[in-house]
Amino acid sequence: MSELHFKVLGQDGACCHGGSGRWNTNGEWMPTVHGNLAPCTRGYHLCRSHDLVEWLGPVIWIAEGQGRSFITPQYLIFQEARVIRSLSAWTPEVARRFAAECAQRVLPIVEERLADATLPRQTIEAALEFANGSLAFTRLAEPAQRTWLLSRQLDGAARDAMIAIYGTVVWEADGMAAWAAAGSARSAAGAIVREKTMQEAKANNLHPREAEKKADIAANAALRAEREWQTNRLFERLGNLEAQ
């Protein structure tokens, strides 16, 4: 089976990560793009499976591209493209719960920095209550504001982790909450490893240039590992794609 491609759109078929216009959601091909293809400016941008956590949003579509193409590390660009069917498993509840799962993985970073703080965990719990329908979105405004203000008092990995937690409650569109929380959680996972590697290097009197190099390698590995975990968890949540 060939590799699946995906397109993430708003509920009305509009682009939700830049771009303009609306996609045909009836299976018809979009108009052919003439001229050179270019990232973020020209051509139809589609995700591969390992790209998807970078581009989450309200509706995930199985998509198809053809004609001339252009490959980037984050997506593919095609001269022609269409969306075929949306994934029914990507419900608002699933998206919000995925956001909370991503934030929970970096919650210890915040709790280590703020030993007496209960707000971060309460914020994630509020997001889960909203996911199961027991809390109105308007009730998330207060924990969202408090979480954001607390994030301004932090720096480095702790700030990234707090912003991941903030992401679980700030977006009314559940898919965008998943995108925000997952992205900041990846950043936090890389940043905390970088910070700890630098501390160890300093304790061992490693030359600053070598310390930076070692820390960058370790941070990038941690970020990739977190992205892999998120991708695996996302597709566990999505289930059998062929059956949708």
C-alpha atoms as a PDB file:
ATOM      1  CA  MET A   1       0.000   0.000   0.000  1.00  0.00           C
ATOM      2  CA  SER A   2       1.350   3.431  -0.921  1.00  0.00           C
ATOM      3  CA  GLU A   3       2.039   5.986   1.775  1.00  0.00           C
ATOM      4  CA  LEU A   4      -1.028   7.896   2.905  1.00  0.00           C
ATOM      5  CA  HIS A   5      -1.118  11.653   2.605  1.00  0.00           C
ATOM      6  CA  PHE A   6      -3.181  13.989   4.760  1.00  0.00           C
ATOM      7  CA  LYS A   7      -4.587  17.503   4.656  1.00  0.00           C
ATOM      8  CA  VAL A   8      -5.736  19.336   7.777  1.00  0.00           C
ATOM      9  CA  LEU A   9      -8.476  21.925   7.301  1.00  0.00           C
ATOM     10  CA  GLY A  10     -11.058  23.923   9.214  1.00  0.00           C
ATOM     11  CA  GLN A  11     -14.626  22.735   9.541  1.00  0.00           C
ATOM     12  CA  ASP A  12     -15.593  24.676   6.406  1.00  0.00           C
ATOM     13  CA  GLY A  13     -12.734  23.349   4.296  1.00  0.00           C
ATOM     14  CA  ALA A  14     -10.646  26.494   4.767  1.00  0.00           C
ATOM     15  CA  CYS A  15      -6.903  26.358   5.373  1.00  0.00           C
ATOM     16  CA  CYS A  16      -6.035  26.589   9.070  1.00  0.00           C
ATOM     17  CA  HIS A  17      -2.231  26.801   8.934  1.00  0.00           C
ATOM     18  CA  GLY A  18      -1.705  29.612   6.481  1.00  0.00           C
ATOM     19  CA  GLY A  19      -2.736  29.728   2.864  1.00  0.00           C
ATOM     20  CA  SER A  20      -6.016  31.058   1.598  1.00  0.00           C
ATOM     21  CA  GLY A  21      -9.267  29.863   0.088  1.00  0.00           C
ATOM     22  CA  ARG A  22     -11.221  26.675   0.641  1.00  0.00           C
ATOM     23  CA  TRP A  23     -10.615  23.173  -0.554  1.00  0.00           C
ATOM     24  CA  ASN A  24     -13.215  21.149  -2.428  1.00  0.00           C
ATOM     25  CA  THR A  25     -14.612  18.687   0.094  1.00  0.00           C
ATOM     26  CA  ASN A  26     -16.619  16.643  -2.405  1.00  0.00           C
ATOM     27  CA  GLY A  27     -13.640  14.687  -3.725  1.00  0.00           C
ATOM     28  CA  GLU A  28     -13.019  16.917  -6.725  1.00  0.00           C
ATOM     29  CA  TRP A  29      -9.470  17.926  -7.627  1.00  0.00           C
ATOM     30  CA  MET A  30      -8.384  21.453  -6.869  1.00  0.00           C
ATOM     31  CA  PRO A  31      -7.400  23.649  -9.854  1.00  0.00           C
ATOM     32  CA  THR A  32      -3.986  22.845 -11.319  1.00  0.00           C
ATOM     33  CA  VAL A  33      -1.177  25.102 -10.111  1.00  0.00           C
ATOM     34  CA  HIS A  34       1.012  26.418 -12.912  1.00  0.00           C
ATOM     35  CA  GLY A  35       4.535  27.709 -12.456  1.00  0.00           C
ATOM     36  CA  ASN A  36       7.143  26.804  -9.861  1.00  0.00           C
ATOM     37  CA  LEU A  37       6.087  25.171  -6.601  1.00  0.00           C
ATOM     38  CA  ALA A  38       7.379  26.854  -3.444  1.00  0.00           C
ATOM     39  CA  PRO A  39       7.007  26.192   0.305  1.00  0.00           C
ATOM     40  CA  CYS A  40       4.272  28.235   1.967  1.00  0.00           C
ATOM     41  CA  THR A  41       3.558  30.231  -1.187  1.00  0.00           C
ATOM     42  CA  ARG A  42       2.660  28.091  -4.203  1.00  0.00           C
ATOM     43  CA  GLY A  43       1.213  24.609  -4.524  1.00  0.00           C
ATOM     44  CA  TYR A  44      -0.945  22.242  -2.521  1.00  0.00           C
ATOM     45  CA  HIS A  45       0.684  21.231   0.760  1.00  0.00           C
ATOM     46  CA  LEU A  46       0.033  17.727   2.108  1.00  0.00           C
ATOM     47  CA  CYS A  47       1.322  15.852   5.173  1.00  0.00           C
ATOM     48  CA  ARG A  48       2.843  12.431   5.463  1.00  0.00           C
ATOM     49  CA  SER A  49       2.120  10.287   8.518  1.00  0.00           C
ATOM     50  CA  HIS A  50       5.238  11.474  10.349  1.00  0.00           C
ATOM     51  CA  ASP A  51       4.417  15.116   9.567  1.00  0.00           C
ATOM     52  CA  LEU A  52       0.864  15.077  10.873  1.00  0.00           C
ATOM     53  CA  VAL A  53       1.466  16.065  14.519  1.00  0.00           C
ATOM     54  CA  GLU A  54       3.043  19.287  13.217  1.00  0.00           C
ATOM     55  CA  TRP A  55      -0.165  20.306  11.410  1.00  0.00           C
ATOM     56  CA  LEU A  56      -3.120  19.187  13.519  1.00  0.00           C
ATOM     57  CA  GLY A  57      -6.395  21.064  13.315  1.00  0.00           C
ATOM     58  CA  PRO A  58     -10.174  20.687  13.255  1.00  0.00           C
ATOM     59  CA  VAL A  59     -10.561  18.139  10.421  1.00  0.00           C
ATOM     60  CA  ILE A  60      -8.028  15.589   9.154  1.00  0.00           C
ATOM     61  CA  TRP A  61      -8.556  14.443   5.590  1.00  0.00           C
ATOM     62  CA  ILE A  62      -7.041  11.590   3.637  1.00  0.00           C
ATOM     63  CA  ALA A  63      -5.631  13.372   0.595  1.00  0.00           C
ATOM     64  CA  GLU A  64      -4.050  12.665  -2.748  1.00  0.00           C
ATOM     65  CA  GLY A  65      -1.540  14.616  -4.832  1.00  0.00           C
ATOM     66  CA  GLN A  66      -0.375  14.262  -8.397  1.00  0.00           C
ATOM     67  CA  GLY A  67       1.611  16.079 -11.077  1.00  0.00           C
ATOM     68  CA  ARG A  68       4.814  17.886 -10.244  1.00  0.00           C
ATOM     69  CA  SER A  69       5.821  17.716  -6.587  1.00  0.00           C
ATOM     70  CA  PHE A  70       8.269  19.249  -4.161  1.00  0.00           C
ATOM     71  CA  ILE A  71       9.527  17.581  -0.972  1.00  0.00           C
ATOM     72  CA  THR A  72      10.381  19.448   2.231  1.00  0.00           C
ATOM     73  CA  PRO A  73      11.241  18.050   5.686  1.00  0.00           C
ATOM     74  CA  GLN A  74       7.796  19.066   7.000  1.00  0.00           C
ATOM     75  CA  TYR A  75       5.409  18.360   4.096  1.00  0.00           C
ATOM     76  CA  LEU A  76       4.971  17.658   0.398  1.00  0.00           C
ATOM     77  CA  ILE A  77       3.836  20.168  -2.227  1.00  0.00           C
ATOM     78  CA  PHE A  78       1.869  19.092  -5.297  1.00  0.00           C
ATOM     79  CA  GLN A  79       0.744  20.710  -8.512  1.00  0.00           C
ATOM     80  CA  GLU A  80      -2.648  19.004  -8.146  1.00  0.00           C
ATOM     81  CA  ALA A  81      -4.377  17.682  -5.050  1.00  0.00           C
ATOM     82  CA  ARG A  82      -7.696  16.683  -3.588  1.00  0.00           C
ATOM     83  CA  VAL A  83      -9.103  15.574  -0.251  1.00  0.00           C
ATOM     84  CA  ILE A  84     -10.888  12.232  -0.373  1.00  0.00           C
ATOM     85  CA  ARG A  85     -12.465  11.580   3.008  1.00  0.00           C
ATOM     86  CA  SER A  86     -12.259  12.993   6.507  1.00  0.00           C
ATOM     87  CA  LEU A  87     -11.230  10.834   9.463  1.00  0.00           C
ATOM     88  CA  SER A  88     -14.297  10.210  11.603  1.00  0.00           C
ATOM     89  CA  ALA A  89     -12.125   9.082  14.533  1.00  0.00           C
ATOM     90  CA  TRP A  90     -10.688  12.595  14.906  1.00  0.00           C
ATOM     91  CA  THR A  91     -13.551  13.839  17.062  1.00  0.00           C
ATOM     92  CA  PRO A  92     -13.436  16.946  19.279  1.00  0.00           C
ATOM     93  CA  GLU A  93     -13.165  14.698  22.349  1.00  0.00           C
ATOM     94  CA  VAL A  94     -10.276  12.689  20.892  1.00  0.00           C
ATOM     95  CA  ALA A  95      -8.444  15.863  19.832  1.00  0.00           C
ATOM     96  CA  ARG A  96      -8.785  17.477  23.262  1.00  0.00           C
ATOM     97  CA  ARG A  97      -7.741  14.294  25.053  1.00  0.00           C
ATOM     98  CA  PHE A  98      -4.712  14.001  22.798  1.00  0.00           C
ATOM     99  CA  ALA A  99      -3.805  17.591  23.706  1.00  0.00           C
ATOM    100  CA  ALA A 100      -4.061  16.712  27.395  1.00  0.00           C
ATOM    101  CA  GLU A 101      -1.918  13.593  26.944  1.00  0.00           C
ATOM    102  CA  CYS A 102       0.819  15.617  25.276  1.00  0.00           C
ATOM    103  CA  ALA A 103       0.736  18.203  28.079  1.00  0.00           C
ATOM    104  CA  GLN A 104       0.738  15.547  30.809  1.00  0.00           C
ATOM    105  CA  ARG A 105       4.059  14.203  29.528  1.00  0.00           C
ATOM    106  CA  VAL A 106       5.790  17.512  30.251  1.00  0.00           C
ATOM    107  CA  LEU A 107       3.826  18.340  33.412  1.00  0.00           C
ATOM    108  CA  PRO A 108       6.695  17.038  35.640  1.00  0.00           C
ATOM    109  CA  ILE A 109       8.968  19.759  34.207  1.00  0.00           C
ATOM    110  CA  VAL A 110       6.652  22.425  35.603  1.00  0.00           C
ATOM    111  CA  GLU A 111       5.953  20.644  38.863  1.00  0.00           C
ATOM    112  CA  GLU A 112       9.682  20.285  39.514  1.00  0.00           C
ATOM    113  CA  ARG A 113      10.094  24.040  39.084  1.00  0.00           C
ATOM    114  CA  LEU A 114       6.918  24.927  41.013  1.00  0.00           C
ATOM    115  CA  ALA A 115       6.761  22.344  43.744  1.00  0.00           C
ATOM    116  CA  ASP A 116       3.763  23.919  45.503  1.00  0.00           C
ATOM    117  CA  ALA A 117       1.785  24.879  42.387  1.00  0.00           C
ATOM    118  CA  THR A 118      -1.469  23.022  41.674  1.00  0.00           C
ATOM    119  CA  LEU A 119      -2.628  25.145  38.740  1.00  0.00           C
ATOM    120  CA  PRO A 120      -0.894  23.221  35.902  1.00  0.00           C
ATOM    121  CA  ARG A 121      -2.494  19.896  36.841  1.00  0.00           C
ATOM    122  CA  GLN A 122      -5.864  21.579  37.450  1.00  0.00           C
ATOM    123  CA  THR A 123      -5.687  23.178  34.006  1.00  0.00           C
ATOM    124  CA  ILE A 124      -5.212  19.806  32.315  1.00  0.00           C
ATOM    125  CA  GLU A 125      -8.061  18.375  34.389  1.00  0.00           C
ATOM    126  CA  ALA A 126     -10.290  21.232  33.220  1.00  0.00           C
ATOM    127  CA  ALA A 127      -9.387  20.423  29.607  1.00  0.00           C
ATOM    128  CA  LEU A 128     -10.404  16.804  30.173  1.00  0.00           C
ATOM    129  CA  GLU A 129     -13.665  17.878  31.783  1.00  0.00           C
ATOM    130  CA  PHE A 130     -14.380  20.001  28.722  1.00  0.00           C
ATOM    131  CA  ALA A 131     -13.528  17.022  26.492  1.00  0.00           C
ATOM    132  CA  ASN A 132     -16.097  14.802  28.186  1.00  0.00           C
ATOM    133  CA  GLY A 133     -18.764  17.498  28.000  1.00  0.00           C
ATOM    134  CA  SER A 134     -19.033  18.301  31.704  1.00  0.00           C
ATOM    135  CA  LEU A 135     -17.587  21.822  31.440  1.00  0.00           C
ATOM    136  CA  ALA A 136     -18.514  24.719  29.145  1.00  0.00           C
ATOM    137  CA  PHE A 137     -15.751  26.324  27.106  1.00  0.00           C
ATOM    138  CA  THR A 138     -16.379  29.648  28.844  1.00  0.00           C
ATOM    139  CA  ARG A 139     -15.331  27.983  32.097  1.00  0.00           C
ATOM    140  CA  LEU A 140     -11.847  27.463  30.645  1.00  0.00           C
ATOM    141  CA  ALA A 141     -11.189  31.208  30.381  1.00  0.00           C
ATOM    142  CA  GLU A 142     -10.126  31.600  34.000  1.00  0.00           C
ATOM    143  CA  PRO A 143      -7.610  28.686  34.126  1.00  0.00           C
ATOM    144  CA  ALA A 144      -6.342  29.724  30.693  1.00  0.00           C
ATOM    145  CA  GLN A 145      -5.593  33.253  31.872  1.00  0.00           C
ATOM    146  CA  ARG A 146      -3.952  32.086  35.088  1.00  0.00           C
ATOM    147  CA  THR A 147      -1.852  29.497  33.243  1.00  0.00           C
ATOM    148  CA  TRP A 148      -0.682  32.057  30.703  1.00  0.00           C
ATOM    149  CA  LEU A 149       0.288  34.538  33.422  1.00  0.00           C
ATOM    150  CA  LEU A 150       2.209  31.833  35.259  1.00  0.00           C
ATOM    151  CA  SER A 151       4.040  30.868  32.068  1.00  0.00           C
ATOM    152  CA  ARG A 152       5.339  34.465  31.850  1.00  0.00           C
ATOM    153  CA  GLN A 153       7.110  33.925  35.173  1.00  0.00           C
ATOM    154  CA  LEU A 154       9.041  30.925  33.870  1.00  0.00           C
ATOM    155  CA  ASP A 155      11.758  30.424  31.297  1.00  0.00           C
ATOM    156  CA  GLY A 156      13.303  27.689  29.187  1.00  0.00           C
ATOM    157  CA  ALA A 157      11.803  24.213  29.332  1.00  0.00           C
ATOM    158  CA  ALA A 158       9.426  25.122  32.154  1.00  0.00           C
ATOM    159  CA  ARG A 159       7.901  27.916  30.082  1.00  0.00           C
ATOM    160  CA  ASP A 160       7.506  25.625  27.073  1.00  0.00           C
ATOM    161  CA  ALA A 161       5.832  23.017  29.271  1.00  0.00           C
ATOM    162  CA  MET A 162       3.465  25.585  30.770  1.00  0.00           C
ATOM    163  CA  ILE A 163       2.535  26.846  27.309  1.00  0.00           C
ATOM    164  CA  ALA A 164       1.755  23.241  26.310  1.00  0.00           C
ATOM    165  CA  ILE A 165      -0.604  23.080  29.277  1.00  0.00           C
ATOM    166  CA  TYR A 166      -2.070  26.449  28.294  1.00  0.00           C
ATOM    167  CA  GLY A 167      -2.655  25.074  24.810  1.00  0.00           C
ATOM    168  CA  THR A 168      -5.048  22.442  26.137  1.00  0.00           C
ATOM    169  CA  VAL A 169      -7.575  25.084  27.208  1.00  0.00           C
ATOM    170  CA  VAL A 170      -7.045  28.146  25.035  1.00  0.00           C
ATOM    171  CA  TRP A 171      -8.481  26.991  21.689  1.00  0.00           C
ATOM    172  CA  GLU A 172     -12.203  26.444  21.245  1.00  0.00           C
ATOM    173  CA  ALA A 173     -11.379  24.391  18.140  1.00  0.00           C
ATOM    174  CA  ASP A 174     -10.247  21.123  19.703  1.00  0.00           C
ATOM    175  CA  GLY A 175      -7.926  20.202  16.844  1.00  0.00           C
ATOM    176  CA  MET A 176      -6.076  23.490  17.234  1.00  0.00           C
ATOM    177  CA  ALA A 177      -5.715  22.776  20.966  1.00  0.00           C
ATOM    178  CA  ALA A 178      -4.069  19.480  20.014  1.00  0.00           C
ATOM    179  CA  TRP A 179      -1.727  21.286  17.610  1.00  0.00           C
ATOM    180  CA  ALA A 180      -0.749  23.906  20.218  1.00  0.00           C
ATOM    181  CA  ALA A 181      -0.222  21.469  23.086  1.00  0.00           C
ATOM    182  CA  ALA A 182       1.722  18.953  21.014  1.00  0.00           C
ATOM    183  CA  GLY A 183       4.053  21.566  19.541  1.00  0.00           C
ATOM    184  CA  SER A 184       4.972  23.153  22.859  1.00  0.00           C
ATOM    185  CA  ALA A 185       5.327  19.749  24.507  1.00  0.00           C
ATOM    186  CA  ARG A 186       7.898  18.761  21.883  1.00  0.00           C
ATOM    187  CA  SER A 187       9.779  21.984  22.519  1.00  0.00           C
ATOM    188  CA  ALA A 188       9.715  21.380  26.275  1.00  0.00           C
ATOM    189  CA  ALA A 189      10.969  17.803  25.891  1.00  0.00           C
ATOM    190  CA  GLY A 190      13.941  19.003  23.879  1.00  0.00           C
ATOM    191  CA  ALA A 191      14.626  22.025  26.075  1.00  0.00           C
ATOM    192  CA  ILE A 192      14.718  20.113  29.375  1.00  0.00           C
ATOM    193  CA  VAL A 193      17.259  17.643  27.984  1.00  0.00           C
ATOM    194  CA  ARG A 194      19.347  20.515  26.664  1.00  0.00           C
ATOM    195  CA  GLU A 195      19.299  22.257  30.049  1.00  0.00           C
ATOM    196  CA  LYS A 196      20.314  19.116  31.924  1.00  0.00           C
ATOM    197  CA  THR A 197      23.049  18.283  29.423  1.00  0.00           C
ATOM    198  CA  MET A 198      24.495  21.772  29.775  1.00  0.00           C
ATOM    199  CA  GLN A 199      24.439  21.476  33.571  1.00  0.00           C
ATOM    200  CA  GLU A 200      26.287  18.154  33.402  1.00  0.00           C
ATOM    201  CA  ALA A 201      28.829  19.577  30.950  1.00  0.00           C
ATOM    202  CA  LYS A 202      29.483  22.536  33.223  1.00  0.00           C
ATOM    203  CA  ALA A 203      29.945  20.236  36.216  1.00  0.00           C
ATOM    204  CA  ASN A 204      32.469  18.224  34.197  1.00  0.00           C
ATOM    205  CA  ASN A 205      34.310  21.367  33.037  1.00  0.00           C
ATOM    206  CA  LEU A 206      33.595  20.647  29.394  1.00  0.00           C
ATOM    207  CA  HIS A 207      34.635  23.360  26.951  1.00  0.00           C
ATOM    208  CA  PRO A 208      31.622  25.636  26.199  1.00  0.00           C
ATOM    209  CA  ARG A 209      31.740  24.889  22.478  1.00  0.00           C
ATOM    210  CA  GLU A 210      31.757  21.150  23.084  1.00  0.00           C
ATOM    211  CA  ALA A 211      29.038  21.529  25.703  1.00  0.00           C
ATOM    212  CA  GLU A 212      26.788  23.361  23.251  1.00  0.00           C
ATOM    213  CA  LYS A 213      27.363  20.722  20.597  1.00  0.00           C
ATOM    214  CA  LYS A 214      26.599  17.883  23.006  1.00  0.00           C
ATOM    215  CA  ALA A 215      23.510  19.654  24.326  1.00  0.00           C
ATOM    216  CA  ASP A 216      22.165  20.335  20.833  1.00  0.00           C
ATOM    217  CA  ILE A 217      22.558  16.691  19.825  1.00  0.00           C
ATOM    218  CA  ALA A 218      20.828  15.478  22.983  1.00  0.00           C
ATOM    219  CA  ALA A 219      18.001  18.026  22.664  1.00  0.00           C
ATOM    220  CA  ASN A 220      17.338  17.151  19.032  1.00  0.00           C
ATOM    221  CA  ALA A 221      17.213  13.464  19.900  1.00  0.00           C
ATOM    222  CA  ALA A 222      14.734  14.145  22.713  1.00  0.00           C
ATOM    223  CA  LEU A 223      12.567  16.281  20.442  1.00  0.00           C
ATOM    224  CA  ARG A 224      12.524  13.553  17.786  1.00  0.00           C
ATOM    225  CA  ALA A 225      11.640  10.946  20.413  1.00  0.00           C
ATOM    226  CA  GLU A 226       8.743  13.063  21.679  1.00  0.00           C
ATOM    227  CA  ARG A 227       7.506  13.605  18.147  1.00  0.00           C
ATOM    228  CA  GLU A 228       7.670   9.843  17.550  1.00  0.00           C
ATOM    229  CA  TRP A 229       5.677   9.204  20.737  1.00  0.00           C
ATOM    230  CA  GLN A 230       3.085  11.776  19.692  1.00  0.00           C
ATOM    231  CA  THR A 231       2.803  10.278  16.211  1.00  0.00           C
ATOM    232  CA  ASN A 232       2.359   6.759  17.558  1.00  0.00           C
ATOM    233  CA  ARG A 233      -0.220   7.917  20.089  1.00  0.00           C
ATOM    234  CA  LEU A 234      -2.076   9.949  17.482  1.00  0.00           C
ATOM    235  CA  PHE A 235      -2.434   6.984  15.158  1.00  0.00           C
ATOM    236  CA  GLU A 236      -3.503   4.774  18.062  1.00  0.00           C
ATOM    237  CA  ARG A 237      -6.276   7.334  18.648  1.00  0.00           C
ATOM    238  CA  LEU A 238      -7.175   7.420  14.950  1.00  0.00           C
ATOM    239  CA  GLY A 239      -7.416   3.633  14.662  1.00  0.00           C
ATOM    240  CA  ASN A 240      -8.031   1.847  11.370  1.00  0.00           C
ATOM    241  CA  LEU A 241      -7.809   4.538   8.706  1.00  0.00           C
ATOM    242  CA  GLU A 242      -9.060   2.277   5.940  1.00  0.00           C
ATOM    243  CA  ALA A 243     -12.325   1.681   7.811  1.00  0.00           C
ATOM    244  CA  GLN A 244     -13.163   5.393   8.056  1.00  0.00           C
END
